[in-house]
Amino acid sequence: MDILIIDDEPLVAKTLARLLRPHTVQILPSASEALETVCSGRFDLIFCDLMMPELNGRELYSMACQRSPELADQFIFITGGAFSHESETFLGQSSVRVLYKPFDRGALRDILQAAETTDTAVSS
């Protein structure tokens, strides 16, 4: 599985990448750098920090989904639980998945298994 992690905190991104072994993982440090990479369509999952400077995860998600609506199912937001009012509203009104920091291995395993099941169903 090809996975993209977008997080402005290098330690968080590296920790998540280690937990995602043996999958192929690419890390990008900002949402503004990630838009073209996200829209390339080569990732099975996109783990994106919700709160980042400049362009936040919610804004990146919106722009990516406008260009390629099928990307919506690939996003998983990562957050420490600190939400702006806009982010809290967005998460409450959307079906996007969330992985909370510190990372729970069981929740991460469930996300990966669901993605693998989806990939298998699509390939069949």
Foldseek 3Di string as FASTA:
>chain_A
DEEEEEALDVVQQVVVVVLPPPHHYDYDNHLVVCLVVLLVPPHLAYEAEQDDPPAGPVNSLVVSCVVPVVSQARYEYEYQPDDDPVRVVVVVPDPHHYAYPVGDSVVVVVSVVVSVVVVVVVVD
